[in-house]
């Protein structure tokens, strides 16, 4: 069925970096825990927590086909990151996506070189929270 694998997914960085992606990690949002314990909370009682104020987006780990002839991404440059999975329904006009401002946190300038293995580079992305990220459902 369409959408069962990542084949056809795209990742676009507005800074101009382009690559063939082997893996684009999950976009995961979470919230911090605020410790709500006081000195009068007896030790046999469970610890108390409150949800934090803002969601935090975790790092996005990617694996790209290493291409020594292409320009490498600029580490730390703010740009728009857009991740578009393949469509779930072939009849849909457009797939879902998530987009927002962020940056390349790290990139393997030279990959781990091995015999009988495809040369790949690891790249870590991070949404910065200044613009989005915003999820747009498939339609």
Foldseek 3Di string as FASTA:
>chain_A
DPLPDQPPKDKDWPVPDDFAWPDKADWDKDWDWDFPDDPPQDPVDDTDTDTHDDIATDKIKTKTQDDPVDDDFDFPDKTKIKIFGTAPDPPFPGAKIWIAIWGWHDKDPFADDDPPDGGMMMIIIGHPPPGDRDIDHTD
